[in-house]
Amino acid sequence: MESELIYAVTGIALTAVGLYALIVRRHMIRRLLAVNIMGAGVFTLFVSLATDVSNGVDPVPQAMVLTGIVVAVSATALGLVLIRRIYAATGSTRLAEESSILDTLEGEE
């Protein structure tokens, strides 16, 4: 029971760190990495909750996590391609500040 608790706390910590970085950072690659860290935390938490000592390990959550990892790698590759295209079009990989976006929208009306 103790090892499941360690994995659950680690999963929660990884998810919290990823969420914090996603909120605070403006650089798109760092945000993509934050989403990957959050995904690793969710996968760790899901596997820790799926473990039952009396009956062994349930294979269904493990299969779902493996599928999730494949999807996460594909989504990361797509995100990197989109970031490269945004960089080629704008010359920057940072997101604009909210105030500059609102100023731009107000100027169009």
C-alpha atoms as a PDB file:
ATOM      1  CA  MET A   1       0.000   0.000   0.000  1.00  0.00           C
ATOM      2  CA  GLU A   2       2.866   2.360   0.681  1.00  0.00           C
ATOM      3  CA  SER A   3       4.287   2.215  -2.856  1.00  0.00           C
ATOM      4  CA  GLU A   4       0.890   3.095  -4.359  1.00  0.00           C
ATOM      5  CA  LEU A   5       0.739   6.130  -2.094  1.00  0.00           C
ATOM      6  CA  ILE A   6       4.203   7.254  -3.194  1.00  0.00           C
ATOM      7  CA  TYR A   7       3.221   6.945  -6.854  1.00  0.00           C
ATOM      8  CA  ALA A   8      -0.084   8.761  -6.245  1.00  0.00           C
ATOM      9  CA  VAL A   9       1.647  11.671  -4.499  1.00  0.00           C
ATOM     10  CA  THR A  10       4.262  11.805  -7.267  1.00  0.00           C
ATOM     11  CA  GLY A  11       1.519  11.879  -9.905  1.00  0.00           C
ATOM     12  CA  ILE A  12      -0.303  14.683  -8.105  1.00  0.00           C
ATOM     13  CA  ALA A  13       2.947  16.653  -7.738  1.00  0.00           C
ATOM     14  CA  LEU A  14       3.807  16.261 -11.438  1.00  0.00           C
ATOM     15  CA  THR A  15       0.321  17.356 -12.445  1.00  0.00           C
ATOM     16  CA  ALA A  16       0.516  20.398 -10.169  1.00  0.00           C
ATOM     17  CA  VAL A  17       3.955  21.421 -11.478  1.00  0.00           C
ATOM     18  CA  GLY A  18       2.781  21.026 -15.076  1.00  0.00           C
ATOM     19  CA  LEU A  19      -0.361  23.062 -14.428  1.00  0.00           C
ATOM     20  CA  TYR A  20       1.652  25.829 -12.772  1.00  0.00           C
ATOM     21  CA  ALA A  21       4.075  25.986 -15.710  1.00  0.00           C
ATOM     22  CA  LEU A  22       1.186  25.988 -18.180  1.00  0.00           C
ATOM     23  CA  ILE A  23      -0.376  28.983 -16.463  1.00  0.00           C
ATOM     24  CA  VAL A  24       2.811  30.996 -15.857  1.00  0.00           C
ATOM     25  CA  ARG A  25       4.917  30.476 -19.002  1.00  0.00           C
ATOM     26  CA  ARG A  26       4.399  32.344 -22.285  1.00  0.00           C
ATOM     27  CA  HIS A  27       6.908  30.423 -24.424  1.00  0.00           C
ATOM     28  CA  MET A  28       5.002  27.869 -26.492  1.00  0.00           C
ATOM     29  CA  ILE A  29       7.596  25.095 -26.271  1.00  0.00           C
ATOM     30  CA  ARG A  30       7.676  25.412 -22.481  1.00  0.00           C
ATOM     31  CA  ARG A  31       3.895  25.209 -22.436  1.00  0.00           C
ATOM     32  CA  LEU A  32       4.011  22.078 -24.566  1.00  0.00           C
ATOM     33  CA  LEU A  33       6.509  20.558 -22.140  1.00  0.00           C
ATOM     34  CA  ALA A  34       4.208  21.527 -19.259  1.00  0.00           C
ATOM     35  CA  VAL A  35       1.342  19.653 -20.899  1.00  0.00           C
ATOM     36  CA  ASN A  36       3.619  16.602 -21.268  1.00  0.00           C
ATOM     37  CA  ILE A  37       4.579  16.809 -17.585  1.00  0.00           C
ATOM     38  CA  MET A  38       0.906  16.993 -16.656  1.00  0.00           C
ATOM     39  CA  GLY A  39       0.230  13.943 -18.806  1.00  0.00           C
ATOM     40  CA  ALA A  40       3.006  11.994 -17.113  1.00  0.00           C
ATOM     41  CA  GLY A  41       1.524  12.923 -13.744  1.00  0.00           C
ATOM     42  CA  VAL A  42      -1.941  11.760 -14.778  1.00  0.00           C
ATOM     43  CA  PHE A  43      -0.531   8.498 -16.148  1.00  0.00           C
ATOM     44  CA  THR A  44       1.396   7.895 -12.920  1.00  0.00           C
ATOM     45  CA  LEU A  45      -1.666   8.641 -10.807  1.00  0.00           C
ATOM     46  CA  PHE A  46      -3.873   6.405 -12.936  1.00  0.00           C
ATOM     47  CA  VAL A  47      -1.493   3.448 -12.681  1.00  0.00           C
ATOM     48  CA  SER A  48      -1.102   3.920  -8.920  1.00  0.00           C
ATOM     49  CA  LEU A  49      -4.867   3.894  -8.415  1.00  0.00           C
ATOM     50  CA  ALA A  50      -5.326   0.829 -10.620  1.00  0.00           C
ATOM     51  CA  THR A  51      -3.038  -1.361  -8.524  1.00  0.00           C
ATOM     52  CA  ASP A  52      -4.782  -3.796  -6.197  1.00  0.00           C
ATOM     53  CA  VAL A  53      -2.536  -5.895  -3.959  1.00  0.00           C
ATOM     54  CA  SER A  54      -5.049  -8.674  -3.270  1.00  0.00           C
ATOM     55  CA  ASN A  55      -5.941  -9.397  -6.906  1.00  0.00           C
ATOM     56  CA  GLY A  56      -2.733  -8.315  -8.605  1.00  0.00           C
ATOM     57  CA  VAL A  57      -2.542  -5.632 -11.257  1.00  0.00           C
ATOM     58  CA  ASP A  58      -5.491  -4.799 -13.500  1.00  0.00           C
ATOM     59  CA  PRO A  59      -4.312  -4.884 -17.138  1.00  0.00           C
ATOM     60  CA  VAL A  60      -7.022  -2.565 -18.496  1.00  0.00           C
ATOM     61  CA  PRO A  61      -5.707   0.677 -16.927  1.00  0.00           C
ATOM     62  CA  GLN A  62      -2.193  -0.275 -17.982  1.00  0.00           C
ATOM     63  CA  ALA A  63      -3.358  -0.729 -21.570  1.00  0.00           C
ATOM     64  CA  MET A  64      -5.153   2.627 -21.398  1.00  0.00           C
ATOM     65  CA  VAL A  65      -1.993   4.328 -20.126  1.00  0.00           C
ATOM     66  CA  LEU A  66       0.086   2.781 -22.927  1.00  0.00           C
ATOM     67  CA  THR A  67      -2.461   4.025 -25.459  1.00  0.00           C
ATOM     68  CA  GLY A  68      -2.384   7.440 -23.793  1.00  0.00           C
ATOM     69  CA  ILE A  69       1.399   7.573 -24.075  1.00  0.00           C
ATOM     70  CA  VAL A  70       1.201   6.872 -27.809  1.00  0.00           C
ATOM     71  CA  VAL A  71      -1.430   9.585 -28.240  1.00  0.00           C
ATOM     72  CA  ALA A  72       0.647  12.022 -26.139  1.00  0.00           C
ATOM     73  CA  VAL A  73       3.727  11.444 -28.308  1.00  0.00           C
ATOM     74  CA  SER A  74       1.676  12.032 -31.455  1.00  0.00           C
ATOM     75  CA  ALA A  75       0.101  15.189 -30.011  1.00  0.00           C
ATOM     76  CA  THR A  76       3.546  16.458 -28.980  1.00  0.00           C
ATOM     77  CA  ALA A  77       4.860  15.947 -32.512  1.00  0.00           C
ATOM     78  CA  LEU A  78       1.850  17.808 -33.931  1.00  0.00           C
ATOM     79  CA  GLY A  79       2.325  20.616 -31.411  1.00  0.00           C
ATOM     80  CA  LEU A  80       5.997  20.983 -32.327  1.00  0.00           C
ATOM     81  CA  VAL A  81       5.153  21.187 -36.028  1.00  0.00           C
ATOM     82  CA  LEU A  82       2.553  23.866 -35.335  1.00  0.00           C
ATOM     83  CA  ILE A  83       4.994  25.835 -33.175  1.00  0.00           C
ATOM     84  CA  ARG A  84       7.573  25.708 -35.984  1.00  0.00           C
ATOM     85  CA  ARG A  85       4.992  27.025 -38.452  1.00  0.00           C
ATOM     86  CA  ILE A  86       3.996  29.825 -36.084  1.00  0.00           C
ATOM     87  CA  TYR A  87       7.675  30.704 -35.680  1.00  0.00           C
ATOM     88  CA  ALA A  88       8.156  30.749 -39.452  1.00  0.00           C
ATOM     89  CA  ALA A  89       5.132  33.019 -39.875  1.00  0.00           C
ATOM     90  CA  THR A  90       5.645  35.421 -36.965  1.00  0.00           C
ATOM     91  CA  GLY A  91       9.305  35.082 -35.999  1.00  0.00           C
ATOM     92  CA  SER A  92       8.434  34.461 -32.347  1.00  0.00           C
ATOM     93  CA  THR A  93       7.592  31.464 -30.190  1.00  0.00           C
ATOM     94  CA  ARG A  94       6.071  33.495 -27.373  1.00  0.00           C
ATOM     95  CA  LEU A  95       2.388  34.076 -26.918  1.00  0.00           C
ATOM     96  CA  ALA A  96       1.263  37.674 -27.043  1.00  0.00           C
ATOM     97  CA  GLU A  97       0.185  39.327 -23.832  1.00  0.00           C
ATOM     98  CA  GLU A  98      -3.546  39.564 -23.276  1.00  0.00           C
ATOM     99  CA  SER A  99      -3.526  43.372 -23.298  1.00  0.00           C
ATOM    100  CA  SER A 100      -1.869  43.531 -26.732  1.00  0.00           C
ATOM    101  CA  ILE A 101      -4.432  41.103 -28.124  1.00  0.00           C
ATOM    102  CA  LEU A 102      -7.284  43.216 -26.744  1.00  0.00           C
ATOM    103  CA  ASP A 103      -5.705  46.395 -28.169  1.00  0.00           C
ATOM    104  CA  THR A 104      -5.470  44.751 -31.577  1.00  0.00           C
ATOM    105  CA  LEU A 105      -9.093  43.611 -31.454  1.00  0.00           C
ATOM    106  CA  GLU A 106     -10.331  47.047 -30.354  1.00  0.00           C
ATOM    107  CA  GLY A 107      -8.408  48.684 -33.202  1.00  0.00           C
ATOM    108  CA  GLU A 108     -10.181  46.523 -35.800  1.00  0.00           C
ATOM    109  CA  GLU A 109     -13.695  47.576 -34.780  1.00  0.00           C
END
